[in-house]
Amino acid sequence: MVDEIPFPTQITTTKPLSLLGHGITDIEIHFLQIKFTAIGVYLDPEITGHLQKWKGKPGNELSQDDEFFKAVIAAPVDKFLRVVTIKEIKGSQYVVQLESEVRDRLAEIDKYEEEEEEALEKIVEFFQSKYFKKDSVITFYFPATSGTAEIGFATEGKDESKIKVENVNVVEMIKKWYLGGTRGLSPTTISSLANNLSAELSK
């Protein structure tokens, strides 16, 4: 359970992936914590083979180590994010944040070209008309071997809709937005991922 929202411990893509990190996104307004989404991070357990360099390091140290999260993002294994809405918002509000974050990160490394802009526009268009009721689910599937992503959205009473993002740079920055260590979107998720991976590595 992540903030009273059930998350399965496994999700199967091409193979079973384990829930290795979870947390929430929130902001504090006048001392009130407002929670927006609960996040589950599913990874192929084989990822530990790519992280041996960090074996024996405690989770609290790993959560501050951006090199470690770069290695997590770069590891050639399936990754899957399940994001569940806690507080209703419009899809346009969600995607504006995603768009500016991805665009700024790409601009920073001088990789924001026409192709990236087009790929982002496609994502904006996909979310623009959606309404995130409580318990709506957004999924991001990053297959191991390709630099693509499949984004899905499901809300009560409607079939899941999906789009594929085929721009490698945009896909990379979405991963970094959710899994990027100290610059990640959700510190609770990063800390949980660091602790669980630290435990997996010491097995």
N, C-alpha and C. Protein backbone atom coordinates (compact mmCIF):
# COMPACT_ATOMS: atom_id res chain seq x y z
N MET A 1 0.85 -1.19 0.00
CA MET A 1 0.00 0.00 0.00
C MET A 1 0.89 1.25 0.00
N VAL A 2 0.65 2.13 -0.94
CA VAL A 2 1.37 3.40 -0.94
C VAL A 2 0.31 4.46 -0.69
N ASP A 3 0.35 5.05 0.51
CA ASP A 3 -0.66 6.04 0.86
C ASP A 3 -2.08 5.54 0.61
N GLU A 4 -2.36 4.37 1.11
CA GLU A 4 -3.68 3.73 1.00
C GLU A 4 -4.06 3.30 -0.41
N ILE A 5 -3.10 3.37 -1.33
CA ILE A 5 -3.38 2.91 -2.70
C ILE A 5 -2.64 1.60 -2.91
N PRO A 6 -3.36 0.54 -3.31
CA PRO A 6 -2.69 -0.74 -3.47
C PRO A 6 -1.83 -0.78 -4.73
N PHE A 7 -0.63 -1.31 -4.60
CA PHE A 7 0.25 -1.53 -5.74
C PHE A 7 0.61 -3.00 -5.77
N PRO A 8 0.47 -3.66 -6.93
CA PRO A 8 0.90 -5.06 -6.99
C PRO A 8 2.40 -5.14 -6.77
N THR A 9 2.88 -6.25 -6.17
CA THR A 9 4.33 -6.36 -5.91
C THR A 9 5.08 -6.73 -7.19
N GLN A 10 4.32 -7.22 -8.18
CA GLN A 10 4.94 -7.55 -9.47
C GLN A 10 4.06 -7.09 -10.61
N ILE A 11 4.72 -6.72 -11.72
CA ILE A 11 3.99 -6.41 -12.95
C ILE A 11 4.73 -7.15 -14.05
N THR A 12 4.00 -7.77 -14.97
CA THR A 12 4.70 -8.49 -16.03
C THR A 12 4.67 -7.70 -17.32
N THR A 13 5.85 -7.44 -17.87
CA THR A 13 5.94 -6.83 -19.21
C THR A 13 6.35 -7.99 -20.10
N THR A 14 7.60 -8.02 -20.55
CA THR A 14 8.05 -9.22 -21.27
C THR A 14 8.44 -10.29 -20.25
N LYS A 15 8.67 -9.83 -19.01
CA LYS A 15 8.98 -10.76 -17.91
C LYS A 15 8.52 -10.09 -16.61
N PRO A 16 8.48 -10.82 -15.49
CA PRO A 16 8.01 -10.20 -14.25
C PRO A 16 8.98 -9.12 -13.74
N LEU A 17 8.45 -7.97 -13.40
CA LEU A 17 9.24 -6.89 -12.82
C LEU A 17 8.81 -6.71 -11.36
N SER A 18 9.77 -6.39 -10.49
CA SER A 18 9.45 -6.26 -9.06
C SER A 18 9.29 -4.80 -8.66
N LEU A 19 8.39 -4.58 -7.71
CA LEU A 19 8.20 -3.24 -7.16
C LEU A 19 9.42 -2.93 -6.27
N LEU A 20 10.31 -2.07 -6.75
CA LEU A 20 11.54 -1.82 -6.01
C LEU A 20 11.61 -0.40 -5.45
N GLY A 21 10.59 0.40 -5.74
CA GLY A 21 10.59 1.74 -5.17
C GLY A 21 9.18 2.29 -5.21
N HIS A 22 8.84 3.09 -4.21
CA HIS A 22 7.51 3.72 -4.25
C HIS A 22 7.56 5.00 -3.43
N GLY A 23 6.61 5.87 -3.70
CA GLY A 23 6.58 7.13 -2.96
C GLY A 23 5.42 7.98 -3.47
N ILE A 24 5.48 9.26 -3.15
CA ILE A 24 4.40 10.15 -3.57
C ILE A 24 4.97 11.45 -4.13
N THR A 25 4.13 12.18 -4.87
CA THR A 25 4.48 13.56 -5.20
C THR A 25 3.53 14.44 -4.39
N ASP A 26 4.06 15.50 -3.84
CA ASP A 26 3.22 16.36 -3.00
C ASP A 26 3.82 17.77 -2.96
N ILE A 27 3.03 18.71 -2.51
CA ILE A 27 3.58 20.03 -2.19
C ILE A 27 3.00 20.47 -0.85
N GLU A 28 3.69 21.39 -0.22
CA GLU A 28 3.20 21.89 1.06
C GLU A 28 2.68 23.31 0.84
N ILE A 29 1.43 23.55 1.21
CA ILE A 29 0.86 24.88 1.11
C ILE A 29 0.36 25.28 2.49
N HIS A 30 0.88 26.35 3.03
CA HIS A 30 0.51 26.79 4.39
C HIS A 30 0.54 25.64 5.39
N PHE A 31 1.64 24.92 5.41
CA PHE A 31 1.84 23.78 6.34
C PHE A 31 0.93 22.59 6.08
N LEU A 32 0.16 22.64 5.03
CA LEU A 32 -0.68 21.49 4.69
C LEU A 32 0.00 20.70 3.59
N GLN A 33 0.11 19.40 3.79
CA GLN A 33 0.71 18.58 2.74
C GLN A 33 -0.39 18.16 1.77
N ILE A 34 -0.23 18.54 0.51
CA ILE A 34 -1.21 18.12 -0.50
C ILE A 34 -0.56 17.07 -1.39
N LYS A 35 -1.13 15.88 -1.38
CA LYS A 35 -0.55 14.78 -2.14
C LYS A 35 -1.23 14.71 -3.51
N PHE A 36 -0.40 14.55 -4.53
CA PHE A 36 -0.95 14.49 -5.89
C PHE A 36 -1.00 13.08 -6.46
N THR A 37 0.14 12.39 -6.39
CA THR A 37 0.17 11.05 -6.97
C THR A 37 0.96 10.09 -6.09
N ALA A 38 0.64 8.81 -6.23
CA ALA A 38 1.46 7.75 -5.62
C ALA A 38 2.20 7.09 -6.78
N ILE A 39 3.46 6.72 -6.53
CA ILE A 39 4.30 6.20 -7.61
C ILE A 39 4.85 4.83 -7.22
N GLY A 40 4.82 3.91 -8.17
CA GLY A 40 5.48 2.62 -7.98
C GLY A 40 6.50 2.44 -9.09
N VAL A 41 7.71 2.04 -8.72
CA VAL A 41 8.77 1.81 -9.71
C VAL A 41 9.04 0.32 -9.80
N TYR A 42 8.83 -0.24 -10.98
CA TYR A 42 9.03 -1.68 -11.18
C TYR A 42 10.27 -1.89 -12.06
N LEU A 43 11.16 -2.75 -11.60
CA LEU A 43 12.39 -3.00 -12.35
C LEU A 43 12.63 -4.50 -12.47
N ASP A 44 13.30 -4.87 -13.53
CA ASP A 44 13.74 -6.24 -13.68
C ASP A 44 14.77 -6.51 -12.58
N PRO A 45 14.56 -7.55 -11.75
CA PRO A 45 15.50 -7.82 -10.65
C PRO A 45 16.95 -7.97 -11.13
N GLU A 46 17.11 -8.29 -12.42
CA GLU A 46 18.47 -8.44 -12.95
C GLU A 46 19.26 -7.13 -12.93
N ILE A 47 18.59 -6.04 -12.64
CA ILE A 47 19.27 -4.74 -12.62
C ILE A 47 20.46 -4.75 -11.66
N THR A 48 20.38 -5.57 -10.60
CA THR A 48 21.46 -5.58 -9.61
C THR A 48 22.80 -5.98 -10.24
N GLY A 49 22.74 -6.78 -11.30
CA GLY A 49 23.97 -7.18 -12.01
C GLY A 49 24.70 -5.97 -12.59
N HIS A 50 23.95 -4.89 -12.87
CA HIS A 50 24.54 -3.69 -13.47
C HIS A 50 24.95 -2.67 -12.40
N LEU A 51 24.72 -3.01 -11.13
CA LEU A 51 24.96 -2.02 -10.06
C LEU A 51 25.96 -2.53 -9.02
N GLN A 52 26.74 -3.54 -9.41
CA GLN A 52 27.65 -4.18 -8.45
C GLN A 52 28.64 -3.22 -7.79
N LYS A 53 28.97 -2.18 -8.54
CA LYS A 53 29.92 -1.18 -8.04
C LYS A 53 29.46 -0.57 -6.70
N TRP A 54 28.14 -0.58 -6.48
CA TRP A 54 27.59 0.06 -5.27
C TRP A 54 27.22 -0.94 -4.17
N LYS A 55 27.62 -2.17 -4.36
CA LYS A 55 27.32 -3.22 -3.39
C LYS A 55 27.86 -2.82 -2.02
N GLY A 56 27.03 -3.00 -0.99
CA GLY A 56 27.51 -2.70 0.36
C GLY A 56 27.29 -1.26 0.81
N LYS A 57 26.84 -0.41 -0.12
CA LYS A 57 26.57 0.98 0.28
C LYS A 57 25.17 1.08 0.88
N PRO A 58 25.01 1.82 1.98
CA PRO A 58 23.67 1.94 2.58
C PRO A 58 22.73 2.81 1.72
N GLY A 59 21.44 2.57 1.86
CA GLY A 59 20.44 3.28 1.08
C GLY A 59 20.52 4.79 1.20
N ASN A 60 20.76 5.28 2.44
CA ASN A 60 20.77 6.75 2.61
C ASN A 60 21.93 7.39 1.85
N GLU A 61 23.00 6.63 1.66
CA GLU A 61 24.14 7.14 0.87
C GLU A 61 23.79 7.10 -0.63
N LEU A 62 23.18 6.00 -1.04
CA LEU A 62 22.81 5.85 -2.46
C LEU A 62 21.80 6.90 -2.90
N SER A 63 20.89 7.27 -1.99
CA SER A 63 19.84 8.23 -2.38
C SER A 63 20.43 9.59 -2.72
N GLN A 64 21.65 9.87 -2.25
CA GLN A 64 22.31 11.14 -2.55
C GLN A 64 23.32 11.01 -3.70
N ASP A 65 23.41 9.80 -4.25
CA ASP A 65 24.44 9.54 -5.25
C ASP A 65 23.85 9.54 -6.67
N ASP A 66 24.00 10.68 -7.36
CA ASP A 66 23.41 10.79 -8.70
C ASP A 66 24.03 9.83 -9.71
N GLU A 67 25.31 9.47 -9.48
CA GLU A 67 25.96 8.51 -10.39
C GLU A 67 25.25 7.15 -10.31
N PHE A 68 24.82 6.82 -9.10
CA PHE A 68 24.11 5.55 -8.91
C PHE A 68 22.80 5.55 -9.72
N PHE A 69 22.07 6.67 -9.65
CA PHE A 69 20.80 6.73 -10.38
C PHE A 69 20.99 6.81 -11.89
N LYS A 70 22.12 7.39 -12.31
CA LYS A 70 22.45 7.37 -13.74
C LYS A 70 22.61 5.93 -14.19
N ALA A 71 23.26 5.14 -13.35
CA ALA A 71 23.47 3.72 -13.68
C ALA A 71 22.14 2.95 -13.69
N VAL A 72 21.24 3.31 -12.77
CA VAL A 72 19.90 2.68 -12.73
C VAL A 72 19.17 2.99 -14.04
N ILE A 73 19.20 4.26 -14.45
CA ILE A 73 18.50 4.68 -15.66
C ILE A 73 19.13 4.02 -16.91
N ALA A 74 20.46 3.91 -16.91
CA ALA A 74 21.16 3.39 -18.09
C ALA A 74 21.12 1.87 -18.19
N ALA A 75 20.85 1.18 -17.08
CA ALA A 75 20.89 -0.30 -17.10
C ALA A 75 19.92 -0.84 -18.16
N PRO A 76 20.41 -1.77 -19.01
CA PRO A 76 19.57 -2.28 -20.10
C PRO A 76 18.57 -3.34 -19.63
N VAL A 77 17.66 -2.92 -18.76
CA VAL A 77 16.59 -3.82 -18.28
C VAL A 77 15.25 -3.10 -18.39
N ASP A 78 14.18 -3.88 -18.42
CA ASP A 78 12.84 -3.28 -18.47
C ASP A 78 12.57 -2.45 -17.22
N LYS A 79 11.94 -1.29 -17.44
CA LYS A 79 11.53 -0.44 -16.32
C LYS A 79 10.07 -0.04 -16.54
N PHE A 80 9.33 0.06 -15.45
CA PHE A 80 7.91 0.36 -15.56
C PHE A 80 7.51 1.26 -14.40
N LEU A 81 6.84 2.35 -14.71
CA LEU A 81 6.37 3.26 -13.64
C LEU A 81 4.85 3.23 -13.62
N ARG A 82 4.31 3.10 -12.43
CA ARG A 82 2.85 3.15 -12.27
C ARG A 82 2.54 4.34 -11.38
N VAL A 83 1.81 5.30 -11.91
CA VAL A 83 1.53 6.55 -11.18
C VAL A 83 0.02 6.64 -10.98
N VAL A 84 -0.41 6.70 -9.73
CA VAL A 84 -1.85 6.70 -9.44
C VAL A 84 -2.26 8.05 -8.86
N THR A 85 -3.32 8.61 -9.41
CA THR A 85 -3.77 9.92 -8.97
C THR A 85 -4.39 9.88 -7.58
N ILE A 86 -3.92 10.76 -6.70
CA ILE A 86 -4.53 10.90 -5.37
C ILE A 86 -5.47 12.11 -5.40
N LYS A 87 -4.96 13.22 -5.93
CA LYS A 87 -5.79 14.44 -6.00
C LYS A 87 -6.13 14.73 -7.45
N GLU A 88 -7.44 14.89 -7.70
CA GLU A 88 -7.89 15.13 -9.08
C GLU A 88 -7.21 16.35 -9.69
N ILE A 89 -6.69 16.18 -10.89
CA ILE A 89 -6.22 17.35 -11.63
C ILE A 89 -6.53 17.16 -13.11
N LYS A 90 -6.40 18.22 -13.86
CA LYS A 90 -6.58 18.11 -15.30
C LYS A 90 -5.30 17.56 -15.91
N GLY A 91 -5.47 16.80 -16.97
CA GLY A 91 -4.31 16.27 -17.68
C GLY A 91 -3.39 17.39 -18.14
N SER A 92 -3.99 18.53 -18.50
CA SER A 92 -3.18 19.65 -18.99
C SER A 92 -2.26 20.19 -17.88
N GLN A 93 -2.71 20.11 -16.62
CA GLN A 93 -1.86 20.59 -15.51
C GLN A 93 -0.68 19.65 -15.29
N TYR A 94 -0.96 18.37 -15.42
CA TYR A 94 0.10 17.38 -15.24
C TYR A 94 1.15 17.52 -16.34
N VAL A 95 0.65 17.61 -17.58
CA VAL A 95 1.58 17.54 -18.70
C VAL A 95 2.41 18.82 -18.86
N VAL A 96 1.89 19.93 -18.35
CA VAL A 96 2.65 21.18 -18.42
C VAL A 96 3.93 21.03 -17.59
N GLN A 97 3.82 20.36 -16.48
CA GLN A 97 4.97 20.12 -15.61
C GLN A 97 5.97 19.17 -16.30
N LEU A 98 5.43 18.10 -16.88
CA LEU A 98 6.28 17.14 -17.57
C LEU A 98 6.99 17.82 -18.74
N GLU A 99 6.23 18.59 -19.49
CA GLU A 99 6.79 19.24 -20.68
C GLU A 99 7.92 20.20 -20.32
N SER A 100 7.68 21.07 -19.33
CA SER A 100 8.70 22.07 -19.02
C SER A 100 9.94 21.42 -18.42
N GLU A 101 9.73 20.37 -17.62
CA GLU A 101 10.85 19.66 -17.01
C GLU A 101 11.73 18.99 -18.08
N VAL A 102 11.09 18.28 -19.00
CA VAL A 102 11.82 17.59 -20.07
C VAL A 102 12.51 18.60 -20.98
N ARG A 103 11.78 19.65 -21.33
CA ARG A 103 12.34 20.68 -22.23
C ARG A 103 13.55 21.36 -21.60
N ASP A 104 13.42 21.76 -20.33
CA ASP A 104 14.52 22.45 -19.66
C ASP A 104 15.76 21.55 -19.55
N ARG A 105 15.54 20.29 -19.22
CA ARG A 105 16.67 19.38 -19.07
C ARG A 105 17.38 19.15 -20.42
N LEU A 106 16.58 19.10 -21.49
CA LEU A 106 17.18 18.91 -22.81
C LEU A 106 17.91 20.17 -23.27
N ALA A 107 17.31 21.32 -22.97
CA ALA A 107 17.94 22.59 -23.36
C ALA A 107 19.29 22.75 -22.65
N GLU A 108 19.31 22.31 -21.40
CA GLU A 108 20.52 22.40 -20.59
C GLU A 108 21.72 21.70 -21.24
N ILE A 109 21.43 20.58 -21.91
CA ILE A 109 22.53 19.84 -22.55
C ILE A 109 22.50 20.01 -24.07
N ASP A 110 21.76 21.03 -24.50
CA ASP A 110 21.73 21.40 -25.90
C ASP A 110 21.20 20.30 -26.82
N LYS A 111 20.15 19.63 -26.35
CA LYS A 111 19.59 18.55 -27.18
C LYS A 111 18.12 18.79 -27.50
N TYR A 112 17.69 20.05 -27.38
CA TYR A 112 16.28 20.32 -27.66
C TYR A 112 16.14 20.83 -29.09
N GLU A 113 15.87 19.90 -30.00
CA GLU A 113 15.73 20.25 -31.42
C GLU A 113 14.28 20.04 -31.85
N GLU A 114 14.06 20.17 -33.14
CA GLU A 114 12.71 20.04 -33.68
C GLU A 114 12.08 18.67 -33.38
N GLU A 115 12.89 17.62 -33.52
CA GLU A 115 12.36 16.25 -33.28
C GLU A 115 11.89 16.10 -31.84
N GLU A 116 12.66 16.67 -30.91
CA GLU A 116 12.30 16.58 -29.49
C GLU A 116 11.01 17.36 -29.24
N GLU A 117 10.93 18.51 -29.86
CA GLU A 117 9.74 19.34 -29.69
C GLU A 117 8.50 18.60 -30.20
N GLU A 118 8.63 17.97 -31.34
CA GLU A 118 7.50 17.21 -31.91
C GLU A 118 7.08 16.07 -30.99
N ALA A 119 8.06 15.35 -30.47
CA ALA A 119 7.76 14.22 -29.58
C ALA A 119 7.04 14.71 -28.33
N LEU A 120 7.50 15.85 -27.80
CA LEU A 120 6.86 16.41 -26.60
C LEU A 120 5.45 16.87 -26.91
N GLU A 121 5.27 17.47 -28.08
CA GLU A 121 3.92 17.94 -28.46
C GLU A 121 2.94 16.78 -28.51
N LYS A 122 3.41 15.65 -28.98
CA LYS A 122 2.58 14.44 -29.06
C LYS A 122 2.11 14.03 -27.64
N ILE A 123 3.04 14.12 -26.68
CA ILE A 123 2.70 13.75 -25.29
C ILE A 123 1.70 14.77 -24.73
N VAL A 124 1.96 16.05 -25.01
CA VAL A 124 1.06 17.10 -24.52
C VAL A 124 -0.35 16.87 -25.05
N GLU A 125 -0.41 16.58 -26.35
CA GLU A 125 -1.70 16.34 -27.00
C GLU A 125 -2.43 15.16 -26.36
N PHE A 126 -1.66 14.13 -26.04
CA PHE A 126 -2.23 12.91 -25.45
C PHE A 126 -2.90 13.21 -24.11
N PHE A 127 -2.22 14.02 -23.27
CA PHE A 127 -2.74 14.28 -21.93
C PHE A 127 -3.72 15.45 -21.86
N GLN A 128 -3.61 16.36 -22.80
CA GLN A 128 -4.37 17.61 -22.79
C GLN A 128 -5.85 17.42 -22.47
N SER A 129 -6.47 16.45 -23.13
CA SER A 129 -7.93 16.30 -23.01
C SER A 129 -8.32 15.36 -21.86
N LYS A 130 -7.33 14.79 -21.19
CA LYS A 130 -7.66 13.81 -20.14
C LYS A 130 -8.01 14.52 -18.83
N TYR A 131 -8.78 13.82 -18.02
CA TYR A 131 -9.05 14.34 -16.68
C TYR A 131 -8.63 13.27 -15.69
N PHE A 132 -7.74 13.62 -14.78
CA PHE A 132 -7.23 12.64 -13.83
C PHE A 132 -8.13 12.59 -12.61
N LYS A 133 -9.13 11.72 -12.66
CA LYS A 133 -9.94 11.52 -11.45
C LYS A 133 -9.10 10.77 -10.43
N LYS A 134 -9.55 10.77 -9.19
CA LYS A 134 -8.84 9.99 -8.17
C LYS A 134 -8.74 8.53 -8.65
N ASP A 135 -7.61 7.92 -8.40
CA ASP A 135 -7.34 6.53 -8.80
C ASP A 135 -7.11 6.30 -10.29
N SER A 136 -7.08 7.37 -11.10
CA SER A 136 -6.67 7.19 -12.49
C SER A 136 -5.22 6.72 -12.49
N VAL A 137 -4.85 5.92 -13.49
CA VAL A 137 -3.50 5.37 -13.52
C VAL A 137 -2.75 5.80 -14.78
N ILE A 138 -1.56 6.35 -14.58
CA ILE A 138 -0.67 6.67 -15.69
C ILE A 138 0.47 5.67 -15.63
N THR A 139 0.82 5.09 -16.77
CA THR A 139 1.94 4.14 -16.76
C THR A 139 2.99 4.57 -17.79
N PHE A 140 4.22 4.30 -17.45
CA PHE A 140 5.33 4.53 -18.37
C PHE A 140 6.09 3.22 -18.46
N TYR A 141 6.17 2.68 -19.67
CA TYR A 141 6.92 1.43 -19.84
C TYR A 141 8.14 1.72 -20.70
N PHE A 142 9.31 1.41 -20.15
CA PHE A 142 10.57 1.61 -20.87
C PHE A 142 11.18 0.24 -21.14
N PRO A 143 11.04 -0.29 -22.37
CA PRO A 143 11.61 -1.60 -22.66
C PRO A 143 13.14 -1.56 -22.57
N ALA A 144 13.72 -2.72 -22.26
CA ALA A 144 15.16 -2.79 -22.00
C ALA A 144 16.01 -2.31 -23.16
N THR A 145 15.65 -2.75 -24.37
CA THR A 145 16.62 -2.60 -25.44
C THR A 145 16.37 -1.42 -26.36
N SER A 146 15.20 -0.80 -26.28
CA SER A 146 14.99 0.30 -27.23
C SER A 146 14.88 1.60 -26.47
N GLY A 147 15.19 2.69 -27.14
CA GLY A 147 15.09 3.99 -26.47
C GLY A 147 13.70 4.56 -26.60
N THR A 148 12.68 3.70 -26.51
CA THR A 148 11.31 4.18 -26.65
C THR A 148 10.59 4.09 -25.31
N ALA A 149 9.40 4.65 -25.27
CA ALA A 149 8.56 4.52 -24.07
C ALA A 149 7.13 4.36 -24.53
N GLU A 150 6.38 3.60 -23.74
CA GLU A 150 4.94 3.50 -24.00
C GLU A 150 4.25 4.14 -22.80
N ILE A 151 3.44 5.14 -23.07
CA ILE A 151 2.73 5.82 -21.99
C ILE A 151 1.27 5.41 -22.07
N GLY A 152 0.72 5.04 -20.93
CA GLY A 152 -0.69 4.63 -20.90
C GLY A 152 -1.47 5.47 -19.91
N PHE A 153 -2.77 5.58 -20.14
CA PHE A 153 -3.62 6.28 -19.19
C PHE A 153 -4.94 5.53 -19.07
N ALA A 154 -5.32 5.24 -17.83
CA ALA A 154 -6.59 4.54 -17.62
C ALA A 154 -7.36 5.23 -16.51
N THR A 155 -8.62 5.47 -16.75
CA THR A 155 -9.46 6.04 -15.71
C THR A 155 -10.76 5.25 -15.66
N GLU A 156 -11.41 5.30 -14.54
CA GLU A 156 -12.61 4.50 -14.28
C GLU A 156 -13.60 4.56 -15.45
N GLY A 157 -14.03 3.39 -15.86
CA GLY A 157 -15.09 3.33 -16.86
C GLY A 157 -14.64 3.55 -18.29
N LYS A 158 -13.34 3.76 -18.51
CA LYS A 158 -12.88 3.95 -19.89
C LYS A 158 -11.74 3.00 -20.18
N ASP A 159 -11.62 2.61 -21.45
CA ASP A 159 -10.49 1.75 -21.83
C ASP A 159 -9.19 2.52 -21.72
N GLU A 160 -8.12 1.78 -21.47
CA GLU A 160 -6.82 2.42 -21.38
C GLU A 160 -6.42 2.97 -22.76
N SER A 161 -5.88 4.18 -22.77
CA SER A 161 -5.35 4.70 -24.04
C SER A 161 -3.83 4.77 -23.92
N LYS A 162 -3.16 4.59 -25.06
CA LYS A 162 -1.69 4.53 -25.03
C LYS A 162 -1.08 5.33 -26.17
N ILE A 163 0.14 5.81 -25.93
CA ILE A 163 0.92 6.34 -27.04
C ILE A 163 2.35 5.83 -26.90
N LYS A 164 3.05 5.86 -28.03
CA LYS A 164 4.45 5.43 -28.02
C LYS A 164 5.31 6.67 -28.26
N VAL A 165 6.35 6.81 -27.48
CA VAL A 165 7.28 7.93 -27.66
C VAL A 165 8.57 7.34 -28.20
N GLU A 166 8.98 7.82 -29.37
CA GLU A 166 10.13 7.18 -30.02
C GLU A 166 11.36 8.07 -30.07
N ASN A 167 11.29 9.22 -29.40
CA ASN A 167 12.47 10.08 -29.38
C ASN A 167 13.34 9.73 -28.17
N VAL A 168 14.54 9.24 -28.45
CA VAL A 168 15.43 8.73 -27.40
C VAL A 168 15.71 9.80 -26.32
N ASN A 169 15.93 11.04 -26.75
CA ASN A 169 16.28 12.09 -25.78
C ASN A 169 15.11 12.43 -24.85
N VAL A 170 13.91 12.48 -25.42
CA VAL A 170 12.73 12.77 -24.61
C VAL A 170 12.48 11.62 -23.62
N VAL A 171 12.61 10.40 -24.10
CA VAL A 171 12.41 9.21 -23.25
C VAL A 171 13.40 9.24 -22.07
N GLU A 172 14.65 9.55 -22.40
CA GLU A 172 15.70 9.61 -21.38
C GLU A 172 15.35 10.63 -20.29
N MET A 173 14.84 11.79 -20.70
CA MET A 173 14.53 12.84 -19.72
C MET A 173 13.29 12.52 -18.88
N ILE A 174 12.36 11.77 -19.45
CA ILE A 174 11.20 11.36 -18.64
C ILE A 174 11.70 10.41 -17.54
N LYS A 175 12.62 9.51 -17.92
CA LYS A 175 13.20 8.61 -16.92
C LYS A 175 13.90 9.44 -15.84
N LYS A 176 14.66 10.44 -16.28
CA LYS A 176 15.41 11.25 -15.31
C LYS A 176 14.48 12.05 -14.41
N TRP A 177 13.35 12.48 -14.96
CA TRP A 177 12.39 13.25 -14.17
C TRP A 177 11.87 12.39 -13.01
N TYR A 178 11.58 11.15 -13.31
CA TYR A 178 11.04 10.27 -12.25
C TYR A 178 12.12 9.55 -11.44
N LEU A 179 13.27 9.27 -12.05
CA LEU A 179 14.26 8.42 -11.38
C LEU A 179 15.61 9.08 -11.21
N GLY A 180 15.65 10.40 -11.37
CA GLY A 180 16.95 11.07 -11.46
C GLY A 180 17.61 11.47 -10.17
N GLY A 181 17.63 10.61 -9.19
CA GLY A 181 18.38 10.92 -7.97
C GLY A 181 17.94 12.22 -7.32
N THR A 182 18.90 13.07 -6.97
CA THR A 182 18.58 14.27 -6.20
C THR A 182 17.73 15.27 -6.99
N ARG A 183 17.68 15.10 -8.32
CA ARG A 183 16.82 16.00 -9.10
C ARG A 183 15.52 15.32 -9.52
N GLY A 184 15.26 14.18 -8.93
CA GLY A 184 14.03 13.46 -9.28
C GLY A 184 12.80 14.18 -8.73
N LEU A 185 11.69 13.85 -9.30
CA LEU A 185 10.42 14.50 -8.97
C LEU A 185 9.96 14.21 -7.54
N SER A 186 10.23 12.99 -7.07
CA SER A 186 9.68 12.57 -5.78
C SER A 186 10.78 12.02 -4.87
N PRO A 187 11.24 12.82 -3.90
CA PRO A 187 12.30 12.37 -2.99
C PRO A 187 11.94 11.08 -2.25
N THR A 188 10.66 10.89 -1.91
CA THR A 188 10.27 9.67 -1.18
C THR A 188 10.50 8.43 -2.06
N THR A 189 10.23 8.58 -3.36
CA THR A 189 10.42 7.46 -4.28
C THR A 189 11.91 7.14 -4.43
N ILE A 190 12.71 8.18 -4.57
CA ILE A 190 14.16 8.02 -4.74
C ILE A 190 14.75 7.32 -3.51
N SER A 191 14.32 7.75 -2.33
CA SER A 191 14.85 7.18 -1.10
C SER A 191 14.43 5.71 -0.96
N SER A 192 13.18 5.41 -1.31
CA SER A 192 12.69 4.03 -1.24
C SER A 192 13.45 3.13 -2.23
N LEU A 193 13.67 3.66 -3.43
CA LEU A 193 14.40 2.90 -4.46
C LEU A 193 15.83 2.64 -3.99
N ALA A 194 16.47 3.65 -3.42
CA ALA A 194 17.85 3.51 -2.94
C ALA A 194 17.93 2.44 -1.84
N ASN A 195 16.98 2.47 -0.89
CA ASN A 195 16.99 1.49 0.21
C ASN A 195 16.75 0.07 -0.29
N ASN A 196 15.77 -0.08 -1.20
CA ASN A 196 15.46 -1.42 -1.70
C ASN A 196 16.57 -1.99 -2.56
N LEU A 197 17.17 -1.13 -3.39
CA LEU A 197 18.26 -1.62 -4.24
C LEU A 197 19.49 -1.96 -3.40
N SER A 198 19.71 -1.17 -2.34
CA SER A 198 20.82 -1.46 -1.43
C SER A 198 20.62 -2.84 -0.79
N ALA A 199 19.38 -3.13 -0.39
CA ALA A 199 19.06 -4.44 0.21
C ALA A 199 19.23 -5.56 -0.80
N GLU A 200 18.77 -5.32 -2.05
CA GLU A 200 18.90 -6.35 -3.10
C GLU A 200 20.38 -6.63 -3.39
N LEU A 201 21.18 -5.57 -3.39
CA LEU A 201 22.60 -5.71 -3.71
C LEU A 201 23.36 -6.49 -2.65
N SER A 202 22.84 -6.43 -1.41
CA SER A 202 23.61 -7.10 -0.34
C SER A 202 23.15 -8.56 -0.16
N LYS A 203 22.21 -9.00 -1.00
CA LYS A 203 21.74 -10.41 -0.87
C LYS A 203 22.83 -11.37 -1.33
